[in-house]
PDB file of N, CA and C in Angstrom:
ATOM      1  N   UNK A   1     189.818 161.040 161.458  1.00  0.00           N
ATOM      2  CA  UNK A   1     189.301 160.392 162.573  1.00  0.00           C
ATOM      3  C   UNK A   1     188.256 161.101 162.640  1.00  0.00           C
ATOM      4  N   UNK A   2     187.601 160.794 163.385  1.00  0.00           N
ATOM      5  CA  UNK A   2     186.431 160.469 164.284  1.00  0.00           C
ATOM      6  C   UNK A   2     186.447 160.581 165.736  1.00  0.00           C
ATOM      7  N   UNK A   3     185.341 161.501 166.689  1.00  0.00           N
ATOM      8  CA  UNK A   3     185.176 162.122 168.058  1.00  0.00           C
ATOM      9  C   UNK A   3     186.135 162.834 168.407  1.00  0.00           C
ATOM     10  N   UNK A   4     185.775 162.754 170.041  1.00  0.00           N
ATOM     11  CA  UNK A   4     186.978 163.693 170.823  1.00  0.00           C
ATOM     12  C   UNK A   4     187.484 163.302 171.007  1.00  0.00           C
ATOM     13  N   UNK A   5     188.737 164.364 171.356  1.00  0.00           N
ATOM     14  CA  UNK A   5     190.191 163.209 172.127  1.00  0.00           C
ATOM     15  C   UNK A   5     189.715 163.882 173.674  1.00  0.00           C
ATOM     16  N   UNK A   6     190.166 163.235 174.178  1.00  0.00           N
ATOM     17  CA  UNK A   6     190.413 163.539 176.158  1.00  0.00           C
ATOM     18  C   UNK A   6     190.363 165.295 175.990  1.00  0.00           C
ATOM     19  N   UNK A   7     191.179 165.412 175.633  1.00  0.00           N
ATOM     20  CA  UNK A   7     191.743 166.976 175.911  1.00  0.00           C
ATOM     21  C   UNK A   7     190.556 167.923 175.853  1.00  0.00           C
ATOM     22  N   UNK A   8     190.262 167.402 174.843  1.00  0.00           N
ATOM     23  CA  UNK A   8     188.598 168.197 174.167  1.00  0.00           C
ATOM     24  C   UNK A   8     187.739 167.928 174.601  1.00  0.00           C
ATOM     25  N   UNK A   9     187.322 167.111 175.707  1.00  0.00           N
ATOM     26  CA  UNK A   9     186.401 166.455 176.556  1.00  0.00           C
ATOM     27  C   UNK A   9     186.926 167.150 178.025  1.00  0.00           C
ATOM     28  N   UNK A  10     188.160 167.102 178.517  1.00  0.00           N
ATOM     29  CA  UNK A  10     188.651 167.735 179.810  1.00  0.00           C
ATOM     30  C   UNK A  10     188.358 169.794 179.487  1.00  0.00           C
ATOM     31  N   UNK A  11     188.539 170.205 178.419  1.00  0.00           N
ATOM     32  CA  UNK A  11     188.258 171.340 178.350  1.00  0.00           C
ATOM     33  C   UNK A  11     186.749 171.747 178.480  1.00  0.00           C
ATOM     34  N   UNK A  12     186.111 170.706 177.733  1.00  0.00           N
ATOM     35  CA  UNK A  12     184.584 170.979 177.258  1.00  0.00           C
ATOM     36  C   UNK A  12     183.884 170.776 179.308  1.00  0.00           C
ATOM     37  N   UNK A  13     184.692 170.092 180.001  1.00  0.00           N
ATOM     38  CA  UNK A  13     184.066 169.933 181.521  1.00  0.00           C
ATOM     39  C   UNK A  13     184.445 171.329 182.083  1.00  0.00           C
ATOM     40  N   UNK A  14     185.885 171.319 181.784  1.00  0.00           N
ATOM     41  CA  UNK A  14     186.064 172.754 182.896  1.00  0.00           C
ATOM     42  C   UNK A  14     185.231 174.096 181.992  1.00  0.00           C
ATOM     43  N   UNK A  15     184.680 174.291 180.911  1.00  0.00           N
ATOM     44  CA  UNK A  15     184.047 175.411 180.287  1.00  0.00           C
ATOM     45  C   UNK A  15     182.696 174.973 181.212  1.00  0.00           C
ATOM     46  N   UNK A  16     182.106 173.951 181.237  1.00  0.00           N
ATOM     47  CA  UNK A  16     180.533 173.632 181.664  1.00  0.00           C
ATOM     48  C   UNK A  16     180.711 173.831 183.643  1.00  0.00           C
ATOM     49  N   UNK A  17     181.674 173.635 183.930  1.00  0.00           N
ATOM     50  CA  UNK A  17     182.189 173.548 185.539  1.00  0.00           C
ATOM     51  C   UNK A  17     182.053 174.764 185.644  1.00  0.00           C
ATOM     52  N   UNK A  18     182.882 175.908 185.062  1.00  0.00           N
ATOM     53  CA  UNK A  18     182.859 177.227 185.132  1.00  0.00           C
ATOM     54  C   UNK A  18     181.585 178.198 185.211  1.00  0.00           C
ATOM     55  N   UNK A  19     180.689 177.901 184.140  1.00  0.00           N
ATOM     56  CA  UNK A  19     179.277 178.303 183.900  1.00  0.00           C
ATOM     57  C   UNK A  19     178.258 177.565 184.976  1.00  0.00           C
ATOM     58  N   UNK A  20     178.292 176.003 185.483  1.00  0.00           N
ATOM     59  CA  UNK A  20     177.868 176.234 186.513  1.00  0.00           C
ATOM     60  C   UNK A  20     178.096 176.997 187.560  1.00  0.00           C
ATOM     61  N   UNK A  21     179.289 177.075 187.898  1.00  0.00           N
ATOM     62  CA  UNK A  21     179.421 177.600 189.511  1.00  0.00           C
ATOM     63  C   UNK A  21     178.758 178.725 189.131  1.00  0.00           C
ATOM     64  N   UNK A  22     179.296 179.773 188.055  1.00  0.00           N
ATOM     65  CA  UNK A  22     178.814 181.427 188.344  1.00  0.00           C
ATOM     66  C   UNK A  22     176.913 181.445 188.114  1.00  0.00           C
ATOM     67  N   UNK A  23     176.672 180.413 187.521  1.00  0.00           N
ATOM     68  CA  UNK A  23     174.984 179.991 187.423  1.00  0.00           C
ATOM     69  C   UNK A  23     174.296 180.509 188.925  1.00  0.00           C
ATOM     70  N   UNK A  24     175.117 178.819 189.924  1.00  0.00           N
ATOM     71  CA  UNK A  24     174.906 179.013 191.022  1.00  0.00           C
ATOM     72  C   UNK A  24     175.199 179.948 191.773  1.00  0.00           C
ATOM     73  N   UNK A  25     175.816 180.533 191.914  1.00  0.00           N
ATOM     74  CA  UNK A  25     176.576 181.988 192.505  1.00  0.00           C
ATOM     75  C   UNK A  25     175.042 183.043 192.119  1.00  0.00           C
ATOM     76  N   UNK A  26     175.024 183.502 190.750  1.00  0.00           N
ATOM     77  CA  UNK A  26     173.921 184.426 191.299  1.00  0.00           C
ATOM     78  C   UNK A  26     172.834 183.508 191.364  1.00  0.00           C
ATOM     79  N   UNK A  27     172.664 182.100 191.496  1.00  0.00           N
ATOM     80  CA  UNK A  27     170.915 181.803 192.282  1.00  0.00           C
ATOM     81  C   UNK A  27     170.746 182.091 193.574  1.00  0.00           C
ATOM     82  N   UNK A  28     172.290 181.960 193.951  1.00  0.00           N
ATOM     83  CA  UNK A  28     172.356 182.338 195.919  1.00  0.00           C
ATOM     84  C   UNK A  28     172.247 183.548 196.447  1.00  0.00           C
ATOM     85  N   UNK A  29     172.464 184.551 195.408  1.00  0.00           N
ATOM     86  CA  UNK A  29     172.881 185.898 195.276  1.00  0.00           C
ATOM     87  C   UNK A  29     171.354 186.447 195.004  1.00  0.00           C
ATOM     88  N   UNK A  30     170.462 186.023 194.405  1.00  0.00           N
ATOM     89  CA  UNK A  30     169.216 186.527 193.920  1.00  0.00           C
ATOM     90  C   UNK A  30     168.254 185.815 195.080  1.00  0.00           C
ATOM     91  N   UNK A  31     168.589 184.453 195.557  1.00  0.00           N
ATOM     92  CA  UNK A  31     167.398 183.904 196.967  1.00  0.00           C
ATOM     93  C   UNK A  31     167.730 184.922 197.976  1.00  0.00           C
ATOM     94  N   UNK A  32     168.894 185.416 198.247  1.00  0.00           N
ATOM     95  CA  UNK A  32     169.274 186.317 199.187  1.00  0.00           C
ATOM     96  C   UNK A  32     168.745 187.469 198.986  1.00  0.00           C
ATOM     97  N   UNK A  33     168.623 187.796 197.919  1.00  0.00           N
ATOM     98  CA  UNK A  33     167.564 189.338 197.630  1.00  0.00           C
ATOM     99  C   UNK A  33     166.555 188.915 197.935  1.00  0.00           C
ATOM    100  N   UNK A  34     166.014 187.961 197.750  1.00  0.00           N
ATOM    101  CA  UNK A  34     164.010 188.055 197.891  1.00  0.00           C
ATOM    102  C   UNK A  34     164.139 187.795 199.075  1.00  0.00           C
ATOM    103  N   UNK A  35     164.998 187.267 200.148  1.00  0.00           N
ATOM    104  CA  UNK A  35     164.842 186.602 201.639  1.00  0.00           C
ATOM    105  C   UNK A  35     164.964 188.239 202.496  1.00  0.00           C
ATOM    106  N   UNK A  36     165.736 189.086 201.718  1.00  0.00           N
ATOM    107  CA  UNK A  36     166.087 190.346 202.476  1.00  0.00           C
ATOM    108  C   UNK A  36     164.956 191.506 201.757  1.00  0.00           C
ATOM    109  N   UNK A  37     164.477 191.311 201.080  1.00  0.00           N
ATOM    110  CA  UNK A  37     163.285 191.988 200.374  1.00  0.00           C
ATOM    111  C   UNK A  37     161.665 192.008 201.111  1.00  0.00           C
ATOM    112  N   UNK A  38     161.911 190.756 200.871  1.00  0.00           N
ATOM    113  CA  UNK A  38     160.661 190.216 201.872  1.00  0.00           C
ATOM    114  C   UNK A  38     160.552 190.501 203.452  1.00  0.00           C
ATOM    115  N   UNK A  39     161.807 190.199 204.136  1.00  0.00           N
ATOM    116  CA  UNK A  39     162.081 190.988 205.995  1.00  0.00           C
ATOM    117  C   UNK A  39     161.700 192.413 205.631  1.00  0.00           C
ATOM    118  N   UNK A  40     162.493 193.472 204.914  1.00  0.00           N
ATOM    119  CA  UNK A  40     162.057 194.709 204.431  1.00  0.00           C
ATOM    120  C   UNK A  40     160.252 195.372 204.598  1.00  0.00           C
ATOM    121  N   UNK A  41     159.767 193.736 203.230  1.00  0.00           N
ATOM    122  CA  UNK A  41     158.501 194.020 202.941  1.00  0.00           C
ATOM    123  C   UNK A  41     157.442 194.204 204.717  1.00  0.00           C
ATOM    124  N   UNK A  42     157.884 193.189 204.925  1.00  0.00           N
ATOM    125  CA  UNK A  42     157.157 192.946 206.181  1.00  0.00           C
ATOM    126  C   UNK A  42     157.457 193.507 207.424  1.00  0.00           C
ATOM    127  N   UNK A  43     158.513 194.124 207.942  1.00  0.00           N
ATOM    128  CA  UNK A  43     158.854 195.121 208.761  1.00  0.00           C
ATOM    129  C   UNK A  43     157.862 196.465 208.274  1.00  0.00           C
ATOM    130  N   UNK A  44     158.196 196.561 207.264  1.00  0.00           N
ATOM    131  CA  UNK A  44     157.273 198.171 206.701  1.00  0.00           C
ATOM    132  C   UNK A  44     155.952 197.954 207.024  1.00  0.00           C
ATOM    133  N   UNK A  45     155.380 196.824 206.908  1.00  0.00           N
ATOM    134  CA  UNK A  45     153.775 196.564 207.192  1.00  0.00           C
ATOM    135  C   UNK A  45     153.771 196.663 208.597  1.00  0.00           C
ATOM    136  N   UNK A  46     154.618 195.949 209.441  1.00  0.00           N
ATOM    137  CA  UNK A  46     154.249 195.878 210.641  1.00  0.00           C
ATOM    138  C   UNK A  46     154.259 197.331 211.021  1.00  0.00           C
ATOM    139  N   UNK A  47     155.553 198.271 210.393  1.00  0.00           N
ATOM    140  CA  UNK A  47     155.504 199.865 211.279  1.00  0.00           C
ATOM    141  C   UNK A  47     154.447 200.606 210.866  1.00  0.00           C
ATOM    142  N   UNK A  48     154.184 200.066 209.551  1.00  0.00           N
ATOM    143  CA  UNK A  48     152.553 200.925 209.257  1.00  0.00           C
ATOM    144  C   UNK A  48     151.267 200.741 210.055  1.00  0.00           C
ATOM    145  N   UNK A  49     151.723 199.105 210.066  1.00  0.00           N
ATOM    146  CA  UNK A  49     150.296 199.022 211.246  1.00  0.00           C
ATOM    147  C   UNK A  49     150.243 199.552 212.455  1.00  0.00           C
ATOM    148  N   UNK A  50     151.474 199.527 213.427  1.00  0.00           N
ATOM    149  CA  UNK A  50     151.618 200.373 214.510  1.00  0.00           C
ATOM    150  C   UNK A  50     151.302 201.925 214.361  1.00  0.00           C
ATOM    151  N   UNK A  51     151.755 202.418 213.566  1.00  0.00           N
ATOM    152  CA  UNK A  51     151.626 203.620 213.300  1.00  0.00           C
ATOM    153  C   UNK A  51     149.934 204.124 212.932  1.00  0.00           C
ATOM    154  N   UNK A  52     149.292 203.381 212.430  1.00  0.00           N
ATOM    155  CA  UNK A  52     148.086 203.701 211.854  1.00  0.00           C
ATOM    156  C   UNK A  52     146.848 203.535 213.066  1.00  0.00           C
ATOM    157  N   UNK A  53     147.461 202.673 213.653  1.00  0.00           N
ATOM    158  CA  UNK A  53     147.021 202.515 215.163  1.00  0.00           C
ATOM    159  C   UNK A  53     147.064 203.282 216.552  1.00  0.00           C
ATOM    160  N   UNK A  54     147.930 203.865 216.639  1.00  0.00           N
ATOM    161  CA  UNK A  54     148.560 204.770 217.690  1.00  0.00           C
ATOM    162  C   UNK A  54     147.599 206.259 217.490  1.00  0.00           C
ATOM    163  N   UNK A  55     146.613 206.337 218.798  1.00  0.00           N
ATOM    164  CA  UNK A  55     145.783 206.897 218.707  1.00  0.00           C
ATOM    165  C   UNK A  55     144.447 207.063 218.081  1.00  0.00           C
ATOM    166  N   UNK A  56     144.149 205.916 217.653  1.00  0.00           N
ATOM    167  CA  UNK A  56     142.860 205.074 216.592  1.00  0.00           C
ATOM    168  C   UNK A  56     142.915 204.367 217.108  1.00  0.00           C
ATOM    169  N   UNK A  57     143.411 203.119 217.369  1.00  0.00           N
ATOM    170  CA  UNK A  57     142.763 201.677 218.525  1.00  0.00           C
ATOM    171  C   UNK A  57     143.458 201.710 219.390  1.00  0.00           C
ATOM    172  N   UNK A  58     144.459 202.278 220.099  1.00  0.00           N
ATOM    173  CA  UNK A  58     144.929 202.906 221.436  1.00  0.00           C
ATOM    174  C   UNK A  58     145.154 204.303 221.842  1.00  0.00           C
ATOM    175  N   UNK A  59     144.670 204.897 222.524  1.00  0.00           N
ATOM    176  CA  UNK A  59     145.214 206.084 222.872  1.00  0.00           C
ATOM    177  C   UNK A  59     146.131 206.403 222.804  1.00  0.00           C
ATOM    178  N   UNK A  60     146.319 207.637 222.611  1.00  0.00           N
ATOM    179  CA  UNK A  60     147.755 208.186 222.336  1.00  0.00           C
ATOM    180  C   UNK A  60     148.406 208.556 223.734  1.00  0.00           C
ATOM    181  N   UNK A  61     149.475 207.952 224.303  1.00  0.00           N
ATOM    182  CA  UNK A  61     150.281 208.433 225.253  1.00  0.00           C
ATOM    183  C   UNK A  61     151.223 208.840 225.423  1.00  0.00           C
ATOM    184  N   UNK A  62     152.067 210.040 226.058  1.00  0.00           N
ATOM    185  CA  UNK A  62     153.825 210.533 225.704  1.00  0.00           C
ATOM    186  C   UNK A  62     154.202 209.436 226.018  1.00  0.00           C
ATOM    187  N   UNK A  63     155.325 208.964 225.459  1.00  0.00           N
ATOM    188  CA  UNK A  63     156.438 207.939 225.843  1.00  0.00           C
ATOM    189  C   UNK A  63     157.223 206.940 224.747  1.00  0.00           C
ATOM    190  N   UNK A  64     157.266 205.891 225.237  1.00  0.00           N
ATOM    191  CA  UNK A  64     158.141 205.050 224.729  1.00  0.00           C
ATOM    192  C   UNK A  64     157.392 203.643 224.703  1.00  0.00           C
ATOM    193  N   UNK A  65     156.635 202.689 223.668  1.00  0.00           N
ATOM    194  CA  UNK A  65     155.986 201.713 224.035  1.00  0.00           C
ATOM    195  C   UNK A  65     157.323 200.833 223.304  1.00  0.00           C
ATOM    196  N   UNK A  66     157.709 199.371 223.834  1.00  0.00           N
ATOM    197  CA  UNK A  66     158.275 198.402 223.012  1.00  0.00           C
ATOM    198  C   UNK A  66     157.712 197.275 222.838  1.00  0.00           C
ATOM    199  N   UNK A  67     157.802 196.299 221.896  1.00  0.00           N
ATOM    200  CA  UNK A  67     157.261 195.191 221.712  1.00  0.00           C
ATOM    201  C   UNK A  67     157.847 194.142 220.804  1.00  0.00           C
ATOM    202  N   UNK A  68     157.136 193.366 220.891  1.00  0.00           N
ATOM    203  CA  UNK A  68     157.781 191.889 220.007  1.00  0.00           C
ATOM    204  C   UNK A  68     156.945 191.549 218.540  1.00  0.00           C
ATOM    205  N   UNK A  69     157.335 191.385 217.808  1.00  0.00           N
ATOM    206  CA  UNK A  69     156.041 190.688 216.446  1.00  0.00           C
ATOM    207  C   UNK A  69     156.907 189.182 216.322  1.00  0.00           C
ATOM    208  N   UNK A  70     155.451 188.583 215.326  1.00  0.00           N
ATOM    209  CA  UNK A  70     156.063 187.241 215.138  1.00  0.00           C
ATOM    210  C   UNK A  70     156.924 187.460 214.011  1.00  0.00           C
ATOM    211  N   UNK A  71     157.925 186.326 213.470  1.00  0.00           N
ATOM    212  CA  UNK A  71     159.047 186.682 213.285  1.00  0.00           C
ATOM    213  C   UNK A  71     160.500 186.827 213.524  1.00  0.00           C
ATOM    214  N   UNK A  72     160.606 187.443 214.641  1.00  0.00           N
ATOM    215  CA  UNK A  72     161.881 188.003 215.236  1.00  0.00           C
ATOM    216  C   UNK A  72     161.643 189.647 214.991  1.00  0.00           C
ATOM    217  N   UNK A  73     160.579 190.872 214.514  1.00  0.00           N
ATOM    218  CA  UNK A  73     160.482 191.712 215.007  1.00  0.00           C
ATOM    219  C   UNK A  73     160.783 191.874 216.063  1.00  0.00           C
ATOM    220  N   UNK A  74     160.797 193.383 215.951  1.00  0.00           N
ATOM    221  CA  UNK A  74     160.852 193.776 217.562  1.00  0.00           C
ATOM    222  C   UNK A  74     160.582 195.268 216.939  1.00  0.00           C
ATOM    223  N   UNK A  75     159.726 196.207 217.923  1.00  0.00           N
ATOM    224  CA  UNK A  75     159.394 197.309 217.585  1.00  0.00           C
ATOM    225  C   UNK A  75     159.518 198.665 218.282  1.00  0.00           C
ATOM    226  N   UNK A  76     159.287 199.574 218.400  1.00  0.00           N
ATOM    227  CA  UNK A  76     159.322 200.633 219.350  1.00  0.00           C
ATOM    228  C   UNK A  76     158.344 201.695 218.744  1.00  0.00           C
ATOM    229  N   UNK A  77     157.440 202.225 219.585  1.00  0.00           N
ATOM    230  CA  UNK A  77     156.081 203.719 219.508  1.00  0.00           C
ATOM    231  C   UNK A  77     157.066 204.565 220.149  1.00  0.00           C
ATOM    232  N   UNK A  78     157.735 205.680 219.560  1.00  0.00           N
ATOM    233  CA  UNK A  78     157.681 206.797 220.459  1.00  0.00           C
ATOM    234  C   UNK A  78     156.763 208.477 220.159  1.00  0.00           C
ATOM    235  N   UNK A  79     155.904 208.500 221.535  1.00  0.00           N
ATOM    236  CA  UNK A  79     155.126 209.527 220.827  1.00  0.00           C
ATOM    237  C   UNK A  79     155.528 210.967 221.694  1.00  0.00           C
ATOM    238  N   UNK A  80     155.841 212.114 221.362  1.00  0.00           N
ATOM    239  CA  UNK A  80     156.502 213.042 222.013  1.00  0.00           C
ATOM    240  C   UNK A  80     155.440 214.293 221.442  1.00  0.00           C
ATOM    241  N   UNK A  81     155.316 215.361 222.277  1.00  0.00           N
ATOM    242  CA  UNK A  81     154.714 216.602 221.858  1.00  0.00           C
ATOM    243  C   UNK A  81     155.367 217.392 220.828  1.00  0.00           C
ATOM    244  N   UNK A  82     154.954 217.768 219.917  1.00  0.00           N
ATOM    245  CA  UNK A  82     155.843 218.724 218.565  1.00  0.00           C
ATOM    246  C   UNK A  82     155.674 220.295 219.341  1.00  0.00           C
ATOM    247  N   UNK A  83     157.218 219.999 219.301  1.00  0.00           N
ATOM    248  CA  UNK A  83     157.632 221.378 219.461  1.00  0.00           C
ATOM    249  C   UNK A  83     157.241 222.534 218.804  1.00  0.00           C
ATOM    250  N   UNK A  84     156.561 223.893 219.241  1.00  0.00           N
ATOM    251  CA  UNK A  84     156.109 224.909 217.865  1.00  0.00           C
ATOM    252  C   UNK A  84     157.064 225.701 218.670  1.00  0.00           C
ATOM    253  N   UNK A  85     157.020 226.913 217.406  1.00  0.00           N
ATOM    254  CA  UNK A  85     157.273 228.023 218.105  1.00  0.00           C
ATOM    255  C   UNK A  85     156.554 229.110 218.515  1.00  0.00           C
ATOM    256  N   UNK A  86     154.966 228.761 218.080  1.00  0.00           N
ATOM    257  CA  UNK A  86     153.991 229.725 218.462  1.00  0.00           C
ATOM    258  C   UNK A  86     152.751 228.839 218.703  1.00  0.00           C
ATOM    259  N   UNK A  87     152.529 228.965 219.870  1.00  0.00           N
ATOM    260  CA  UNK A  87     150.975 228.281 220.637  1.00  0.00           C
ATOM    261  C   UNK A  87     150.207 229.222 220.864  1.00  0.00           C
ATOM    262  N   UNK A  88     149.131 228.859 220.408  1.00  0.00           N
ATOM    263  CA  UNK A  88     148.197 230.212 220.793  1.00  0.00           C
ATOM    264  C   UNK A  88     147.378 229.508 221.753  1.00  0.00           C
ATOM    265  N   UNK A  89     146.650 230.271 222.539  1.00  0.00           N
ATOM    266  CA  UNK A  89     146.223 229.786 223.312  1.00  0.00           C
ATOM    267  C   UNK A  89     144.162 229.023 222.750  1.00  0.00           C
ATOM    268  N   UNK A  90     144.235 229.731 221.796  1.00  0.00           N
ATOM    269  CA  UNK A  90     142.934 229.313 221.239  1.00  0.00           C
ATOM    270  C   UNK A  90     143.117 228.053 220.614  1.00  0.00           C
ATOM    271  N   UNK A  91     144.161 227.143 220.579  1.00  0.00           N
ATOM    272  CA  UNK A  91     144.108 225.822 219.685  1.00  0.00           C
ATOM    273  C   UNK A  91     143.662 224.888 220.594  1.00  0.00           C
ATOM    274  N   UNK A  92     142.801 224.402 220.053  1.00  0.00           N
ATOM    275  CA  UNK A  92     141.685 223.083 220.480  1.00  0.00           C
ATOM    276  C   UNK A  92     142.632 221.523 220.329  1.00  0.00           C
ATOM    277  N   UNK A  93     143.536 221.610 219.603  1.00  0.00           N
ATOM    278  CA  UNK A  93     144.027 220.546 219.212  1.00  0.00           C
ATOM    279  C   UNK A  93     146.075 220.746 219.071  1.00  0.00           C
ATOM    280  N   UNK A  94     146.372 219.457 219.859  1.00  0.00           N
ATOM    281  CA  UNK A  94     147.851 220.208 219.894  1.00  0.00           C
ATOM    282  C   UNK A  94     148.510 218.654 219.099  1.00  0.00           C
ATOM    283  N   UNK A  95     149.179 219.154 218.233  1.00  0.00           N
ATOM    284  CA  UNK A  95     150.305 217.828 217.419  1.00  0.00           C
ATOM    285  C   UNK A  95     151.164 217.280 218.236  1.00  0.00           C
ATOM    286  N   UNK A  96     151.590 215.983 218.124  1.00  0.00           N
ATOM    287  CA  UNK A  96     151.778 215.018 218.426  1.00  0.00           C
ATOM    288  C   UNK A  96     153.233 214.230 217.385  1.00  0.00           C
ATOM    289  N   UNK A  97     153.963 214.102 217.466  1.00  0.00           N
ATOM    290  CA  UNK A  97     155.157 213.243 216.624  1.00  0.00           C
ATOM    291  C   UNK A  97     155.179 211.786 217.163  1.00  0.00           C
ATOM    292  N   UNK A  98     154.517 211.275 216.523  1.00  0.00           N
ATOM    293  CA  UNK A  98     154.642 209.112 216.469  1.00  0.00           C
ATOM    294  C   UNK A  98     155.871 208.606 215.398  1.00  0.00           C
ATOM    295  N   UNK A  99     156.783 207.651 216.373  1.00  0.00           N
ATOM    296  CA  UNK A  99     157.726 207.029 215.354  1.00  0.00           C
ATOM    297  C   UNK A  99     157.651 205.980 216.149  1.00  0.00           C
ATOM    298  N   UNK A 100     157.381 205.029 214.631  1.00  0.00           N
ATOM    299  CA  UNK A 100     157.851 203.761 214.868  1.00  0.00           C
ATOM    300  C   UNK A 100     158.723 203.281 214.373  1.00  0.00           C
ATOM    301  N   UNK A 101     159.609 202.569 215.264  1.00  0.00           N
ATOM    302  CA  UNK A 101     160.713 201.812 214.284  1.00  0.00           C
ATOM    303  C   UNK A 101     160.843 200.150 214.596  1.00  0.00           C
ATOM    304  N   UNK A 102     161.127 199.481 213.687  1.00  0.00           N
ATOM    305  CA  UNK A 102     161.441 198.143 213.888  1.00  0.00           C
ATOM    306  C   UNK A 102     162.523 197.904 213.501  1.00  0.00           C
ATOM    307  N   UNK A 103     162.918 196.427 213.868  1.00  0.00           N
ATOM    308  CA  UNK A 103     163.989 196.084 213.522  1.00  0.00           C
ATOM    309  C   UNK A 103     163.807 194.558 213.968  1.00  0.00           C
ATOM    310  N   UNK A 104     164.950 193.736 213.194  1.00  0.00           N
ATOM    311  CA  UNK A 104     165.050 193.047 212.967  1.00  0.00           C
ATOM    312  C   UNK A 104     166.875 191.866 212.477  1.00  0.00           C
ATOM    313  N   UNK A 105     166.503 190.720 212.697  1.00  0.00           N
ATOM    314  CA  UNK A 105     168.316 190.386 212.199  1.00  0.00           C
ATOM    315  C   UNK A 105     167.961 189.137 211.093  1.00  0.00           C
ATOM    316  N   UNK A 106     168.867 189.525 210.181  1.00  0.00           N
ATOM    317  CA  UNK A 106     169.109 188.001 209.143  1.00  0.00           C
ATOM    318  C   UNK A 106     170.616 187.940 208.995  1.00  0.00           C
ATOM    319  N   UNK A 107     170.773 187.037 207.994  1.00  0.00           N
ATOM    320  CA  UNK A 107     172.212 186.354 207.507  1.00  0.00           C
ATOM    321  C   UNK A 107     173.017 187.302 207.311  1.00  0.00           C
ATOM    322  N   UNK A 108     172.762 188.743 206.602  1.00  0.00           N
ATOM    323  CA  UNK A 108     173.021 189.477 206.519  1.00  0.00           C
ATOM    324  C   UNK A 108     173.504 190.822 207.376  1.00  0.00           C
ATOM    325  N   UNK A 109     172.865 190.750 208.796  1.00  0.00           N
ATOM    326  CA  UNK A 109     173.086 191.589 210.097  1.00  0.00           C
ATOM    327  C   UNK A 109     172.010 191.879 210.532  1.00  0.00           C
ATOM    328  N   UNK A 110     172.168 193.144 211.313  1.00  0.00           N
ATOM    329  CA  UNK A 110     170.788 193.790 211.973  1.00  0.00           C
ATOM    330  C   UNK A 110     170.141 195.136 210.904  1.00  0.00           C
ATOM    331  N   UNK A 111     168.855 195.113 210.907  1.00  0.00           N
ATOM    332  CA  UNK A 111     168.486 196.218 210.155  1.00  0.00           C
ATOM    333  C   UNK A 111     167.799 196.790 211.264  1.00  0.00           C
ATOM    334  N   UNK A 112     166.962 198.231 210.767  1.00  0.00           N
ATOM    335  CA  UNK A 112     166.238 198.574 210.957  1.00  0.00           C
ATOM    336  C   UNK A 112     165.632 199.931 210.243  1.00  0.00           C
ATOM    337  N   UNK A 113     163.761 200.165 210.478  1.00  0.00           N
ATOM    338  CA  UNK A 113     163.225 200.937 209.502  1.00  0.00           C
ATOM    339  C   UNK A 113     162.445 201.879 210.912  1.00  0.00           C
ATOM    340  N   UNK A 114     162.198 203.416 210.276  1.00  0.00           N
ATOM    341  CA  UNK A 114     161.402 204.196 210.951  1.00  0.00           C
ATOM    342  C   UNK A 114     160.533 204.996 210.380  1.00  0.00           C
ATOM    343  N   UNK A 115     158.712 205.157 210.746  1.00  0.00           N
ATOM    344  CA  UNK A 115     157.821 205.627 209.622  1.00  0.00           C
ATOM    345  C   UNK A 115     157.859 206.283 211.202  1.00  0.00           C
ATOM    346  N   UNK A 116     157.679 207.709 210.461  1.00  0.00           N
ATOM    347  CA  UNK A 116     156.977 209.034 211.047  1.00  0.00           C
ATOM    348  C   UNK A 116     155.414 209.481 210.803  1.00  0.00           C
ATOM    349  N   UNK A 117     154.818 210.508 212.107  1.00  0.00           N
ATOM    350  CA  UNK A 117     153.582 210.793 211.649  1.00  0.00           C
ATOM    351  C   UNK A 117     153.552 212.090 212.676  1.00  0.00           C
ATOM    352  N   UNK A 118     152.400 212.731 211.987  1.00  0.00           N
ATOM    353  CA  UNK A 118     152.062 213.709 213.223  1.00  0.00           C
ATOM    354  C   UNK A 118     150.525 213.277 213.685  1.00  0.00           C
ATOM    355  N   UNK A 119     150.106 213.242 214.718  1.00  0.00           N
ATOM    356  CA  UNK A 119     148.635 212.959 215.526  1.00  0.00           C
ATOM    357  C   UNK A 119     148.478 213.826 216.156  1.00  0.00           C
ATOM    358  N   UNK A 120     146.980 214.733 216.235  1.00  0.00           N
ATOM    359  CA  UNK A 120     146.458 215.502 216.608  1.00  0.00           C
ATOM    360  C   UNK A 120     145.649 215.264 217.671  1.00  0.00           C
ATOM    361  N   UNK A 121     145.531 215.347 218.639  1.00  0.00           N
ATOM    362  CA  UNK A 121     144.918 215.204 219.905  1.00  0.00           C
ATOM    363  C   UNK A 121     144.270 216.644 220.756  1.00  0.00           C
ATOM    364  N   UNK A 122     143.130 216.025 221.052  1.00  0.00           N
ATOM    365  CA  UNK A 122     142.237 217.056 221.571  1.00  0.00           C
ATOM    366  C   UNK A 122     143.319 218.013 223.024  1.00  0.00           C
ATOM    367  N   UNK A 123     143.115 219.348 223.350  1.00  0.00           N
ATOM    368  CA  UNK A 123     143.725 219.924 223.873  1.00  0.00           C
ATOM    369  C   UNK A 123     142.978 219.264 225.934  1.00  0.00           C
ATOM    370  N   UNK A 124     143.553 219.258 226.485  1.00  0.00           N
ATOM    371  CA  UNK A 124     142.939 219.195 227.815  1.00  0.00           C
ATOM    372  C   UNK A 124     143.039 220.158 229.083  1.00  0.00           C
TER     373      UNK A 124
END
């Protein structure tokens, strides 16, 4: 007897379908992971850019500033004086804590990341 029986052909099709469904699931998971990594990278770059410009490209002001960026990202900049236990009268510089928080939403829900830095400003 030569050739395949119908039963052998059906078993081969079931095995092929199972393998293809697993591969399709892996493909979707990989694409979702790539999208999440890209969104996180964009948020990090936005936060770094905002953080680097505080006190350099824009004056250092105590308080909170909010804004929107392209791609559905929102950001919050917070500038507060850094509390020190001992402050000397001869100090010419005052340290400030600067925090930038970037938030965004995707198919997996809402996300945010924060970056902090210390900026020095002349005493007034």
